[in-house]
Amino acid sequence: MESSDYFNRGIKLRNWEEIVEIFREAGDSEEKKKALGILLQKKWKGLRDGFVREIKRKKTTPSGSGASGKTKYIYFERLKFLERSIHNKTTDSNINTTSATAEEQDFSGDEEDVVRCSS
C-alpha cells in the first residue's frame, strides 16, 4: 500500500463516517446512519471485487484467443486507480514443494527398511 495510514483503523473509521455524511439524508437517526455505513462498505467491496475479477479474467485470457463474448466490467476504467494496490499483493504458502518430495523419498526408503527387517 502506498499510504502509511492504510492500517490505521481510526483514520479508516473517520473516512467512512465522512462518506456516510455525504450520502445520508437530513434527520437520519444514528441507527440509519450505521446501516447506511454498512451498506456503503458492502457496495464498495462489490465494486472493488468486480474490478479484481476483471483484472484476473484479463490475465487468464490467452494471447490470440480472439474477442471474448463477455463484456468488460462497467466500472473498469473508473476503478483503474486500484491497479497499483491489487498488483502489489503477494501471497505466502505454508506448503513447501521441496519438502514434500523429500518426505516421499524418506517414506519410500522407510518401506524398504521395514521389508528388510521383517525377513
PDB file of N, CA and C in Angstrom:
ATOM      1  N   MET A   1       0.839  -1.180   0.000  1.00  0.00           N
ATOM      2  CA  MET A   1       0.000   0.000   0.000  1.00  0.00           C
ATOM      3  C   MET A   1       0.882   1.241   0.000  1.00  0.00           C
ATOM      4  N   GLU A   2       0.367   2.266  -0.562  1.00  0.00           N
ATOM      5  CA  GLU A   2       1.143   3.490  -0.668  1.00  0.00           C
ATOM      6  C   GLU A   2       1.045   4.356   0.578  1.00  0.00           C
ATOM      7  N   SER A   3      -0.086   4.331   1.262  1.00  0.00           N
ATOM      8  CA  SER A   3      -0.276   5.191   2.414  1.00  0.00           C
ATOM      9  C   SER A   3       0.149   4.486   3.694  1.00  0.00           C
ATOM     10  N   SER A   4       0.849   5.220   4.543  1.00  0.00           N
ATOM     11  CA  SER A   4       1.242   4.652   5.827  1.00  0.00           C
ATOM     12  C   SER A   4       0.046   4.557   6.775  1.00  0.00           C
ATOM     13  N   ASP A   5      -1.047   5.250   6.428  1.00  0.00           N
ATOM     14  CA  ASP A   5      -2.263   5.215   7.257  1.00  0.00           C
ATOM     15  C   ASP A   5      -3.186   4.061   6.903  1.00  0.00           C
ATOM     16  N   TYR A   6      -2.792   3.208   5.965  1.00  0.00           N
ATOM     17  CA  TYR A   6      -3.669   2.138   5.488  1.00  0.00           C
ATOM     18  C   TYR A   6      -4.158   1.251   6.628  1.00  0.00           C
ATOM     19  N   PHE A   7      -3.295   0.910   7.559  1.00  0.00           N
ATOM     20  CA  PHE A   7      -3.653   0.007   8.647  1.00  0.00           C
ATOM     21  C   PHE A   7      -4.197   0.733   9.873  1.00  0.00           C
ATOM     22  N   ASN A   8      -4.338   2.059   9.811  1.00  0.00           N
ATOM     23  CA  ASN A   8      -4.838   2.836  10.939  1.00  0.00           C
ATOM     24  C   ASN A   8      -6.373   2.782  10.944  1.00  0.00           C
ATOM     25  N   ARG A   9      -6.927   2.018  11.873  1.00  0.00           N
ATOM     26  CA  ARG A   9      -8.382   1.828  11.930  1.00  0.00           C
ATOM     27  C   ARG A   9      -9.136   3.120  12.245  1.00  0.00           C
ATOM     28  N   GLY A  10      -8.549   3.957  13.049  1.00  0.00           N
ATOM     29  CA  GLY A  10      -9.197   5.220  13.408  1.00  0.00           C
ATOM     30  C   GLY A  10      -9.410   6.114  12.190  1.00  0.00           C
ATOM     31  N   ILE A  11      -8.391   6.208  11.361  1.00  0.00           N
ATOM     32  CA  ILE A  11      -8.496   7.021  10.148  1.00  0.00           C
ATOM     33  C   ILE A  11      -9.510   6.410   9.187  1.00  0.00           C
ATOM     34  N   LYS A  12      -9.483   5.088   9.049  1.00  0.00           N
ATOM     35  CA  LYS A  12     -10.459   4.420   8.175  1.00  0.00           C
ATOM     36  C   LYS A  12     -11.880   4.695   8.647  1.00  0.00           C
ATOM     37  N   LEU A  13     -12.097   4.601   9.954  1.00  0.00           N
ATOM     38  CA  LEU A  13     -13.429   4.837  10.514  1.00  0.00           C
ATOM     39  C   LEU A  13     -13.888   6.266  10.246  1.00  0.00           C
ATOM     40  N   ARG A  14     -13.010   7.240  10.469  1.00  0.00           N
ATOM     41  CA  ARG A  14     -13.362   8.642  10.203  1.00  0.00           C
ATOM     42  C   ARG A  14     -13.684   8.869   8.724  1.00  0.00           C
ATOM     43  N   ASN A  15     -12.906   8.227   7.847  1.00  0.00           N
ATOM     44  CA  ASN A  15     -13.170   8.376   6.412  1.00  0.00           C
ATOM     45  C   ASN A  15     -14.518   7.789   6.029  1.00  0.00           C
ATOM     46  N   TRP A  16     -14.858   6.626   6.566  1.00  0.00           N
ATOM     47  CA  TRP A  16     -16.172   6.050   6.267  1.00  0.00           C
ATOM     48  C   TRP A  16     -17.291   6.913   6.847  1.00  0.00           C
ATOM     49  N   GLU A  17     -17.059   7.514   8.012  1.00  0.00           N
ATOM     50  CA  GLU A  17     -18.061   8.416   8.598  1.00  0.00           C
ATOM     51  C   GLU A  17     -18.280   9.627   7.696  1.00  0.00           C
ATOM     52  N   GLU A  18     -17.207  10.142   7.099  1.00  0.00           N
ATOM     53  CA  GLU A  18     -17.340  11.271   6.162  1.00  0.00           C
ATOM     54  C   GLU A  18     -18.162  10.860   4.941  1.00  0.00           C
ATOM     55  N   ILE A  19     -17.932   9.665   4.455  1.00  0.00           N
ATOM     56  CA  ILE A  19     -18.688   9.188   3.293  1.00  0.00           C
ATOM     57  C   ILE A  19     -20.165   9.045   3.649  1.00  0.00           C
ATOM     58  N   VAL A  20     -20.457   8.541   4.840  1.00  0.00           N
ATOM     59  CA  VAL A  20     -21.851   8.412   5.283  1.00  0.00           C
ATOM     60  C   VAL A  20     -22.498   9.788   5.352  1.00  0.00           C
ATOM     61  N   GLU A  21     -21.769  10.784   5.835  1.00  0.00           N
ATOM     62  CA  GLU A  21     -22.311  12.138   5.927  1.00  0.00           C
ATOM     63  C   GLU A  21     -22.669  12.685   4.541  1.00  0.00           C
ATOM     64  N   ILE A  22     -21.912  12.317   3.546  1.00  0.00           N
ATOM     65  CA  ILE A  22     -22.190  12.775   2.181  1.00  0.00           C
ATOM     66  C   ILE A  22     -23.490  12.167   1.664  1.00  0.00           C
ATOM     67  N   PHE A  23     -23.726  10.906   1.944  1.00  0.00           N
ATOM     68  CA  PHE A  23     -24.863  10.196   1.365  1.00  0.00           C
ATOM     69  C   PHE A  23     -26.110  10.154   2.246  1.00  0.00           C
ATOM     70  N   ARG A  24     -26.002  10.515   3.495  1.00  0.00           N
ATOM     71  CA  ARG A  24     -27.166  10.416   4.384  1.00  0.00           C
ATOM     72  C   ARG A  24     -28.168  11.531   4.103  1.00  0.00           C
ATOM     73  N   GLU A  25     -29.381  11.297   4.551  1.00  0.00           N
ATOM     74  CA  GLU A  25     -30.415  12.319   4.425  1.00  0.00           C
ATOM     75  C   GLU A  25     -30.511  13.083   5.737  1.00  0.00           C
ATOM     76  N   ALA A  26     -30.928  14.317   5.655  1.00  0.00           N
ATOM     77  CA  ALA A  26     -31.058  15.143   6.863  1.00  0.00           C
ATOM     78  C   ALA A  26     -32.064  14.501   7.806  1.00  0.00           C
ATOM     79  N   GLY A  27     -31.721  14.470   9.056  1.00  0.00           N
ATOM     80  CA  GLY A  27     -32.623  13.944  10.071  1.00  0.00           C
ATOM     81  C   GLY A  27     -32.525  12.438  10.265  1.00  0.00           C
ATOM     82  N   ASP A  28     -31.582  11.780   9.625  1.00  0.00           N
ATOM     83  CA  ASP A  28     -31.420  10.333   9.821  1.00  0.00           C
ATOM     84  C   ASP A  28     -30.970  10.044  11.246  1.00  0.00           C
ATOM     85  N   SER A  29     -31.496   8.981  11.811  1.00  0.00           N
ATOM     86  CA  SER A  29     -31.101   8.562  13.156  1.00  0.00           C
ATOM     87  C   SER A  29     -29.720   7.906  13.097  1.00  0.00           C
ATOM     88  N   GLU A  30     -29.132   7.714  14.266  1.00  0.00           N
ATOM     89  CA  GLU A  30     -27.825   7.060  14.348  1.00  0.00           C
ATOM     90  C   GLU A  30     -27.904   5.640  13.800  1.00  0.00           C
ATOM     91  N   GLU A  31     -29.027   4.988  14.053  1.00  0.00           N
ATOM     92  CA  GLU A  31     -29.225   3.628  13.564  1.00  0.00           C
ATOM     93  C   GLU A  31     -29.246   3.592  12.033  1.00  0.00           C
ATOM     94  N   LYS A  32     -29.914   4.563  11.424  1.00  0.00           N
ATOM     95  CA  LYS A  32     -29.965   4.644   9.959  1.00  0.00           C
ATOM     96  C   LYS A  32     -28.586   4.963   9.385  1.00  0.00           C
ATOM     97  N   LYS A  33     -27.845   5.840  10.082  1.00  0.00           N
ATOM     98  CA  LYS A  33     -26.501   6.176   9.609  1.00  0.00           C
ATOM     99  C   LYS A  33     -25.591   4.950   9.665  1.00  0.00           C
ATOM    100  N   LYS A  34     -25.728   4.164  10.731  1.00  0.00           N
ATOM    101  CA  LYS A  34     -24.914   2.955  10.861  1.00  0.00           C
ATOM    102  C   LYS A  34     -25.263   1.960   9.752  1.00  0.00           C
ATOM    103  N   ALA A  35     -26.545   1.780   9.486  1.00  0.00           N
ATOM    104  CA  ALA A  35     -26.989   0.873   8.421  1.00  0.00           C
ATOM    105  C   ALA A  35     -26.502   1.359   7.054  1.00  0.00           C
ATOM    106  N   LEU A  36     -26.535   2.676   6.840  1.00  0.00           N
ATOM    107  CA  LEU A  36     -26.048   3.243   5.585  1.00  0.00           C
ATOM    108  C   LEU A  36     -24.553   2.998   5.441  1.00  0.00           C
ATOM    109  N   GLY A  37     -23.809   3.138   6.530  1.00  0.00           N
ATOM    110  CA  GLY A  37     -22.367   2.890   6.504  1.00  0.00           C
ATOM    111  C   GLY A  37     -22.059   1.454   6.107  1.00  0.00           C
ATOM    112  N   ILE A  38     -22.793   0.515   6.663  1.00  0.00           N
ATOM    113  CA  ILE A  38     -22.602  -0.891   6.325  1.00  0.00           C
ATOM    114  C   ILE A  38     -22.942  -1.132   4.854  1.00  0.00           C
ATOM    115  N   LEU A  39     -24.047  -0.541   4.401  1.00  0.00           N
ATOM    116  CA  LEU A  39     -24.456  -0.676   3.003  1.00  0.00           C
ATOM    117  C   LEU A  39     -23.398  -0.110   2.047  1.00  0.00           C
ATOM    118  N   LEU A  40     -22.872   1.062   2.365  1.00  0.00           N
ATOM    119  CA  LEU A  40     -21.858   1.686   1.506  1.00  0.00           C
ATOM    120  C   LEU A  40     -20.576   0.858   1.464  1.00  0.00           C
ATOM    121  N   GLN A  41     -20.190   0.291   2.597  1.00  0.00           N
ATOM    122  CA  GLN A  41     -18.991  -0.548   2.624  1.00  0.00           C
ATOM    123  C   GLN A  41     -19.193  -1.810   1.790  1.00  0.00           C
ATOM    124  N   LYS A  42     -20.391  -2.393   1.842  1.00  0.00           N
ATOM    125  CA  LYS A  42     -20.695  -3.568   1.023  1.00  0.00           C
ATOM    126  C   LYS A  42     -20.691  -3.206  -0.453  1.00  0.00           C
ATOM    127  N   LYS A  43     -21.241  -2.040  -0.789  1.00  0.00           N
ATOM    128  CA  LYS A  43     -21.238  -1.587  -2.181  1.00  0.00           C
ATOM    129  C   LYS A  43     -19.802  -1.402  -2.674  1.00  0.00           C
ATOM    130  N   TRP A  44     -18.963  -0.779  -1.856  1.00  0.00           N
ATOM    131  CA  TRP A  44     -17.571  -0.557  -2.238  1.00  0.00           C
ATOM    132  C   TRP A  44     -16.857  -1.890  -2.446  1.00  0.00           C
ATOM    133  N   LYS A  45     -17.091  -2.838  -1.541  1.00  0.00           N
ATOM    134  CA  LYS A  45     -16.461  -4.149  -1.667  1.00  0.00           C
ATOM    135  C   LYS A  45     -16.911  -4.828  -2.957  1.00  0.00           C
ATOM    136  N   GLY A  46     -18.181  -4.725  -3.296  1.00  0.00           N
ATOM    137  CA  GLY A  46     -18.685  -5.310  -4.540  1.00  0.00           C
ATOM    138  C   GLY A  46     -18.062  -4.676  -5.772  1.00  0.00           C
ATOM    139  N   LEU A  47     -17.922  -3.356  -5.757  1.00  0.00           N
ATOM    140  CA  LEU A  47     -17.289  -2.653  -6.876  1.00  0.00           C
ATOM    141  C   LEU A  47     -15.828  -3.081  -7.035  1.00  0.00           C
ATOM    142  N   ARG A  48     -15.135  -3.127  -5.915  1.00  0.00           N
ATOM    143  CA  ARG A  48     -13.723  -3.487  -5.945  1.00  0.00           C
ATOM    144  C   ARG A  48     -13.541  -4.948  -6.359  1.00  0.00           C
ATOM    145  N   ASP A  49     -14.368  -5.840  -5.842  1.00  0.00           N
ATOM    146  CA  ASP A  49     -14.288  -7.253  -6.208  1.00  0.00           C
ATOM    147  C   ASP A  49     -14.553  -7.458  -7.693  1.00  0.00           C
ATOM    148  N   GLY A  50     -15.516  -6.710  -8.243  1.00  0.00           N
ATOM    149  CA  GLY A  50     -15.789  -6.795  -9.676  1.00  0.00           C
ATOM    150  C   GLY A  50     -14.591  -6.368 -10.501  1.00  0.00           C
ATOM    151  N   PHE A  51     -13.914  -5.344 -10.051  1.00  0.00           N
ATOM    152  CA  PHE A  51     -12.712  -4.868 -10.734  1.00  0.00           C
ATOM    153  C   PHE A  51     -11.611  -5.927 -10.678  1.00  0.00           C
ATOM    154  N   VAL A  52     -11.415  -6.527  -9.516  1.00  0.00           N
ATOM    155  CA  VAL A  52     -10.389  -7.560  -9.355  1.00  0.00           C
ATOM    156  C   VAL A  52     -10.697  -8.760 -10.243  1.00  0.00           C
ATOM    157  N   ARG A  53     -11.966  -9.167 -10.311  1.00  0.00           N
ATOM    158  CA  ARG A  53     -12.350 -10.278 -11.181  1.00  0.00           C
ATOM    159  C   ARG A  53     -12.034  -9.965 -12.648  1.00  0.00           C
ATOM    160  N   GLU A  54     -12.286  -8.735 -13.050  1.00  0.00           N
ATOM    161  CA  GLU A  54     -12.000  -8.337 -14.434  1.00  0.00           C
ATOM    162  C   GLU A  54     -10.497  -8.371 -14.714  1.00  0.00           C
ATOM    163  N   ILE A  55      -9.698  -7.920 -13.770  1.00  0.00           N
ATOM    164  CA  ILE A  55      -8.237  -7.971 -13.916  1.00  0.00           C
ATOM    165  C   ILE A  55      -7.802  -9.421 -14.072  1.00  0.00           C
ATOM    166  N   LYS A  56      -8.305 -10.313 -13.215  1.00  0.00           N
ATOM    167  CA  LYS A  56      -7.931 -11.725 -13.290  1.00  0.00           C
ATOM    168  C   LYS A  56      -8.384 -12.345 -14.604  1.00  0.00           C
ATOM    169  N   ARG A  57      -9.566 -11.971 -15.072  1.00  0.00           N
ATOM    170  CA  ARG A  57     -10.070 -12.506 -16.329  1.00  0.00           C
ATOM    171  C   ARG A  57      -9.165 -12.088 -17.479  1.00  0.00           C
ATOM    172  N   LYS A  58      -8.706 -10.850 -17.451  1.00  0.00           N
ATOM    173  CA  LYS A  58      -7.804 -10.362 -18.495  1.00  0.00           C
ATOM    174  C   LYS A  58      -6.465 -11.092 -18.454  1.00  0.00           C
ATOM    175  N   LYS A  59      -5.984 -11.413 -17.252  1.00  0.00           N
ATOM    176  CA  LYS A  59      -4.706 -12.112 -17.118  1.00  0.00           C
ATOM    177  C   LYS A  59      -4.796 -13.536 -17.630  1.00  0.00           C
ATOM    178  N   THR A  60      -5.922 -14.198 -17.425  1.00  0.00           N
ATOM    179  CA  THR A  60      -6.049 -15.602 -17.793  1.00  0.00           C
ATOM    180  C   THR A  60      -6.476 -15.810 -19.238  1.00  0.00           C
ATOM    181  N   THR A  61      -6.852 -14.760 -19.937  1.00  0.00           N
ATOM    182  CA  THR A  61      -7.233 -14.882 -21.342  1.00  0.00           C
ATOM    183  C   THR A  61      -5.964 -15.084 -22.163  1.00  0.00           C
ATOM    184  N   PRO A  62      -5.868 -16.205 -22.867  1.00  0.00           N
ATOM    185  CA  PRO A  62      -4.656 -16.465 -23.654  1.00  0.00           C
ATOM    186  C   PRO A  62      -4.505 -15.466 -24.798  1.00  0.00           C
ATOM    187  N   SER A  63      -3.285 -15.150 -25.104  1.00  0.00           N
ATOM    188  CA  SER A  63      -2.993 -14.234 -26.193  1.00  0.00           C
ATOM    189  C   SER A  63      -3.442 -14.852 -27.505  1.00  0.00           C
ATOM    190  N   GLY A  64      -4.087 -14.052 -28.332  1.00  0.00           N
ATOM    191  CA  GLY A  64      -4.531 -14.535 -29.628  1.00  0.00           C
ATOM    192  C   GLY A  64      -5.811 -15.351 -29.586  1.00  0.00           C
ATOM    193  N   SER A  65      -6.505 -15.341 -28.445  1.00  0.00           N
ATOM    194  CA  SER A  65      -7.713 -16.152 -28.325  1.00  0.00           C
ATOM    195  C   SER A  65      -8.926 -15.484 -28.960  1.00  0.00           C
ATOM    196  N   GLY A  66      -8.745 -14.290 -29.461  1.00  0.00           N
ATOM    197  CA  GLY A  66      -9.853 -13.600 -30.108  1.00  0.00           C
ATOM    198  C   GLY A  66     -10.687 -12.842 -29.105  1.00  0.00           C
ATOM    199  N   ALA A  67     -11.717 -12.199 -29.618  1.00  0.00           N
ATOM    200  CA  ALA A  67     -12.576 -11.385 -28.756  1.00  0.00           C
ATOM    201  C   ALA A  67     -13.400 -12.281 -27.846  1.00  0.00           C
ATOM    202  N   SER A  68     -13.539 -11.855 -26.621  1.00  0.00           N
ATOM    203  CA  SER A  68     -14.348 -12.584 -25.649  1.00  0.00           C
ATOM    204  C   SER A  68     -15.809 -12.219 -25.832  1.00  0.00           C
ATOM    205  N   GLY A  69     -16.680 -13.165 -25.581  1.00  0.00           N
ATOM    206  CA  GLY A  69     -18.105 -12.893 -25.674  1.00  0.00           C
ATOM    207  C   GLY A  69     -18.610 -12.090 -24.496  1.00  0.00           C
ATOM    208  N   LYS A  70     -17.820 -12.051 -23.434  1.00  0.00           N
ATOM    209  CA  LYS A  70     -18.219 -11.342 -22.223  1.00  0.00           C
ATOM    210  C   LYS A  70     -17.842  -9.865 -22.340  1.00  0.00           C
ATOM    211  N   THR A  71     -18.746  -9.002 -21.906  1.00  0.00           N
ATOM    212  CA  THR A  71     -18.470  -7.565 -21.954  1.00  0.00           C
ATOM    213  C   THR A  71     -17.573  -7.167 -20.786  1.00  0.00           C
ATOM    214  N   LYS A  72     -16.870  -6.077 -20.969  1.00  0.00           N
ATOM    215  CA  LYS A  72     -15.968  -5.566 -19.944  1.00  0.00           C
ATOM    216  C   LYS A  72     -16.772  -5.023 -18.758  1.00  0.00           C
ATOM    217  N   TYR A  73     -16.204  -5.148 -17.556  1.00  0.00           N
ATOM    218  CA  TYR A  73     -16.832  -4.647 -16.339  1.00  0.00           C
ATOM    219  C   TYR A  73     -17.137  -3.159 -16.499  1.00  0.00           C
ATOM    220  N   ILE A  74     -18.339  -2.789 -16.194  1.00  0.00           N
ATOM    221  CA  ILE A  74     -18.850  -1.437 -16.484  1.00  0.00           C
ATOM    222  C   ILE A  74     -18.024  -0.322 -15.826  1.00  0.00           C
ATOM    223  N   TYR A  75     -17.495  -0.554 -14.639  1.00  0.00           N
ATOM    224  CA  TYR A  75     -16.742   0.482 -13.922  1.00  0.00           C
ATOM    225  C   TYR A  75     -15.232   0.283 -14.032  1.00  0.00           C
ATOM    226  N   PHE A  76     -14.790  -0.572 -14.941  1.00  0.00           N
ATOM    227  CA  PHE A  76     -13.368  -0.912 -15.044  1.00  0.00           C
ATOM    228  C   PHE A  76     -12.485   0.322 -15.231  1.00  0.00           C
ATOM    229  N   GLU A  77     -12.820   1.161 -16.182  1.00  0.00           N
ATOM    230  CA  GLU A  77     -11.988   2.335 -16.469  1.00  0.00           C
ATOM    231  C   GLU A  77     -11.943   3.294 -15.280  1.00  0.00           C
ATOM    232  N   ARG A  78     -13.059   3.460 -14.604  1.00  0.00           N
ATOM    233  CA  ARG A  78     -13.105   4.396 -13.477  1.00  0.00           C
ATOM    234  C   ARG A  78     -12.360   3.881 -12.250  1.00  0.00           C
ATOM    235  N   LEU A  79     -12.187   2.571 -12.145  1.00  0.00           N
ATOM    236  CA  LEU A  79     -11.525   1.988 -10.981  1.00  0.00           C
ATOM    237  C   LEU A  79     -10.070   1.605 -11.252  1.00  0.00           C
ATOM    238  N   LYS A  80      -9.533   2.036 -12.368  1.00  0.00           N
ATOM    239  CA  LYS A  80      -8.156   1.689 -12.715  1.00  0.00           C
ATOM    240  C   LYS A  80      -7.137   2.177 -11.684  1.00  0.00           C
ATOM    241  N   PHE A  81      -7.501   3.160 -10.891  1.00  0.00           N
ATOM    242  CA  PHE A  81      -6.577   3.648  -9.861  1.00  0.00           C
ATOM    243  C   PHE A  81      -6.281   2.561  -8.823  1.00  0.00           C
ATOM    244  N   LEU A  82      -7.108   1.522  -8.766  1.00  0.00           N
ATOM    245  CA  LEU A  82      -6.900   0.425  -7.818  1.00  0.00           C
ATOM    246  C   LEU A  82      -5.823  -0.563  -8.270  1.00  0.00           C
ATOM    247  N   GLU A  83      -5.418  -0.480  -9.516  1.00  0.00           N
ATOM    248  CA  GLU A  83      -4.447  -1.444 -10.051  1.00  0.00           C
ATOM    249  C   GLU A  83      -3.175  -1.519  -9.229  1.00  0.00           C
ATOM    250  N   ARG A  84      -2.671  -0.387  -8.788  1.00  0.00           N
ATOM    251  CA  ARG A  84      -1.417  -0.383  -8.004  1.00  0.00           C
ATOM    252  C   ARG A  84      -1.566  -1.198  -6.735  1.00  0.00           C
ATOM    253  N   SER A  85      -2.708  -1.086  -6.069  1.00  0.00           N
ATOM    254  CA  SER A  85      -2.876  -1.802  -4.809  1.00  0.00           C
ATOM    255  C   SER A  85      -3.159  -3.277  -5.026  1.00  0.00           C
ATOM    256  N   ILE A  86      -3.696  -3.634  -6.169  1.00  0.00           N
ATOM    257  CA  ILE A  86      -4.014  -5.030  -6.438  1.00  0.00           C
ATOM    258  C   ILE A  86      -2.785  -5.793  -6.919  1.00  0.00           C
ATOM    259  N   HIS A  87      -1.997  -5.209  -7.794  1.00  0.00           N
ATOM    260  CA  HIS A  87      -0.855  -5.903  -8.373  1.00  0.00           C
ATOM    261  C   HIS A  87       0.292  -6.078  -7.398  1.00  0.00           C
ATOM    262  N   ASN A  88       0.353  -5.314  -6.345  1.00  0.00           N
ATOM    263  CA  ASN A  88       1.474  -5.404  -5.424  1.00  0.00           C
ATOM    264  C   ASN A  88       1.293  -6.461  -4.348  1.00  0.00           C
ATOM    265  N   LYS A  89       0.151  -7.134  -4.326  1.00  0.00           N
ATOM    266  CA  LYS A  89      -0.083  -8.122  -3.281  1.00  0.00           C
ATOM    267  C   LYS A  89       0.644  -9.416  -3.607  1.00  0.00           C
ATOM    268  N   THR A  90       1.323  -9.945  -2.588  1.00  0.00           N
ATOM    269  CA  THR A  90       1.960 -11.248  -2.722  1.00  0.00           C
ATOM    270  C   THR A  90       1.348 -12.169  -1.690  1.00  0.00           C
ATOM    271  N   THR A  91       1.386 -13.435  -1.980  1.00  0.00           N
ATOM    272  CA  THR A  91       0.823 -14.404  -1.037  1.00  0.00           C
ATOM    273  C   THR A  91       1.910 -15.344  -0.578  1.00  0.00           C
ATOM    274  N   ASP A  92       1.745 -15.852   0.611  1.00  0.00           N
ATOM    275  CA  ASP A  92       2.667 -16.829   1.161  1.00  0.00           C
ATOM    276  C   ASP A  92       1.946 -18.160   1.251  1.00  0.00           C
ATOM    277  N   SER A  93       2.680 -19.212   1.030  1.00  0.00           N
ATOM    278  CA  SER A  93       2.106 -20.543   1.120  1.00  0.00           C
ATOM    279  C   SER A  93       2.771 -21.284   2.263  1.00  0.00           C
ATOM    280  N   ASN A  94       1.990 -22.094   2.941  1.00  0.00           N
ATOM    281  CA  ASN A  94       2.573 -22.898   4.008  1.00  0.00           C
ATOM    282  C   ASN A  94       2.951 -24.287   3.489  1.00  0.00           C
ATOM    283  N   ILE A  95       2.817 -24.496   2.189  1.00  0.00           N
ATOM    284  CA  ILE A  95       3.178 -25.767   1.576  1.00  0.00           C
ATOM    285  C   ILE A  95       4.535 -25.603   0.916  1.00  0.00           C
ATOM    286  N   ASN A  96       5.445 -26.435   1.287  1.00  0.00           N
ATOM    287  CA  ASN A  96       6.784 -26.401   0.726  1.00  0.00           C
ATOM    288  C   ASN A  96       6.922 -27.576  -0.230  1.00  0.00           C
ATOM    289  N   THR A  97       6.999 -27.302  -1.512  1.00  0.00           N
ATOM    290  CA  THR A  97       7.033 -28.378  -2.504  1.00  0.00           C
ATOM    291  C   THR A  97       8.312 -29.195  -2.420  1.00  0.00           C
ATOM    292  N   THR A  98       9.429 -28.595  -2.046  1.00  0.00           N
ATOM    293  CA  THR A  98      10.671 -29.356  -1.967  1.00  0.00           C
ATOM    294  C   THR A  98      10.643 -30.313  -0.794  1.00  0.00           C
ATOM    295  N   SER A  99      10.033 -29.934   0.314  1.00  0.00           N
ATOM    296  CA  SER A  99       9.997 -30.831   1.461  1.00  0.00           C
ATOM    297  C   SER A  99       9.034 -31.986   1.218  1.00  0.00           C
ATOM    298  N   ALA A 100       8.006 -31.777   0.401  1.00  0.00           N
ATOM    299  CA  ALA A 100       7.063 -32.849   0.099  1.00  0.00           C
ATOM    300  C   ALA A 100       7.773 -33.951  -0.675  1.00  0.00           C
ATOM    301  N   THR A 101       8.605 -33.595  -1.620  1.00  0.00           N
ATOM    302  CA  THR A 101       9.317 -34.621  -2.375  1.00  0.00           C
ATOM    303  C   THR A 101      10.351 -35.304  -1.495  1.00  0.00           C
ATOM    304  N   ALA A 102      10.965 -34.570  -0.579  1.00  0.00           N
ATOM    305  CA  ALA A 102      11.933 -35.170   0.331  1.00  0.00           C
ATOM    306  C   ALA A 102      11.233 -36.167   1.255  1.00  0.00           C
ATOM    307  N   GLU A 103      10.028 -35.824   1.725  1.00  0.00           N
ATOM    308  CA  GLU A 103       9.279 -36.742   2.581  1.00  0.00           C
ATOM    309  C   GLU A 103       8.895 -37.996   1.827  1.00  0.00           C
ATOM    310  N   GLU A 104       8.518 -37.845   0.559  1.00  0.00           N
ATOM    311  CA  GLU A 104       8.171 -39.004  -0.249  1.00  0.00           C
ATOM    312  C   GLU A 104       9.376 -39.919  -0.394  1.00  0.00           C
ATOM    313  N   GLN A 105      10.553 -39.315  -0.585  1.00  0.00           N
ATOM    314  CA  GLN A 105      11.764 -40.116  -0.711  1.00  0.00           C
ATOM    315  C   GLN A 105      12.073 -40.820   0.603  1.00  0.00           C
ATOM    316  N   ASP A 106      11.911 -40.116   1.723  1.00  0.00           N
ATOM    317  CA  ASP A 106      12.147 -40.716   3.029  1.00  0.00           C
ATOM    318  C   ASP A 106      11.178 -41.858   3.269  1.00  0.00           C
ATOM    319  N   PHE A 107       9.928 -41.671   2.883  1.00  0.00           N
ATOM    320  CA  PHE A 107       8.908 -42.687   3.110  1.00  0.00           C
ATOM    321  C   PHE A 107       9.223 -43.950   2.324  1.00  0.00           C
ATOM    322  N   SER A 108       9.629 -43.781   1.062  1.00  0.00           N
ATOM    323  CA  SER A 108       9.934 -44.954   0.250  1.00  0.00           C
ATOM    324  C   SER A 108      11.152 -45.680   0.813  1.00  0.00           C
ATOM    325  N   GLY A 109      12.083 -44.960   1.362  1.00  0.00           N
ATOM    326  CA  GLY A 109      13.246 -45.591   1.979  1.00  0.00           C
ATOM    327  C   GLY A 109      12.856 -46.350   3.232  1.00  0.00           C
ATOM    328  N   ASP A 110      11.931 -45.825   4.041  1.00  0.00           N
ATOM    329  CA  ASP A 110      11.476 -46.496   5.251  1.00  0.00           C
ATOM    330  C   ASP A 110      10.795 -47.808   4.911  1.00  0.00           C
ATOM    331  N   GLU A 111      10.079 -47.841   3.820  1.00  0.00           N
ATOM    332  CA  GLU A 111       9.351 -49.040   3.422  1.00  0.00           C
ATOM    333  C   GLU A 111      10.328 -50.178   3.125  1.00  0.00           C
ATOM    334  N   GLU A 112      11.415 -49.843   2.442  1.00  0.00           N
ATOM    335  CA  GLU A 112      12.406 -50.859   2.132  1.00  0.00           C
ATOM    336  C   GLU A 112      13.057 -51.380   3.403  1.00  0.00           C
ATOM    337  N   ASP A 113      13.297 -50.489   4.378  1.00  0.00           N
ATOM    338  CA  ASP A 113      13.893 -50.904   5.652  1.00  0.00           C
ATOM    339  C   ASP A 113      12.961 -51.850   6.387  1.00  0.00           C
ATOM    340  N   VAL A 114      11.666 -51.599   6.333  1.00  0.00           N
ATOM    341  CA  VAL A 114      10.696 -52.445   7.028  1.00  0.00           C
ATOM    342  C   VAL A 114      10.707 -53.844   6.394  1.00  0.00           C
ATOM    343  N   VAL A 115      10.769 -53.892   5.079  1.00  0.00           N
ATOM    344  CA  VAL A 115      10.774 -55.184   4.393  1.00  0.00           C
ATOM    345  C   VAL A 115      12.030 -55.956   4.752  1.00  0.00           C
ATOM    346  N   ARG A 116      13.156 -55.271   4.802  1.00  0.00           N
ATOM    347  CA  ARG A 116      14.421 -55.942   5.153  1.00  0.00           C
ATOM    348  C   ARG A 116      14.418 -56.454   6.579  1.00  0.00           C
ATOM    349  N   CYS A 117      13.840 -55.691   7.506  1.00  0.00           N
ATOM    350  CA  CYS A 117      13.821 -56.088   8.917  1.00  0.00           C
ATOM    351  C   CYS A 117      12.919 -57.292   9.148  1.00  0.00           C
ATOM    352  N   SER A 118      11.832 -57.390   8.389  1.00  0.00           N
ATOM    353  CA  SER A 118      10.879 -58.460   8.638  1.00  0.00           C
ATOM    354  C   SER A 118      11.342 -59.781   8.035  1.00  0.00           C
ATOM    355  N   SER A 119      12.363 -59.766   7.186  1.00  0.00           N
ATOM    356  CA  SER A 119      12.832 -61.013   6.548  1.00  0.00           C
ATOM    357  C   SER A 119      13.637 -61.845   7.484  1.00  0.00           C
TER     358      SER A 119
END
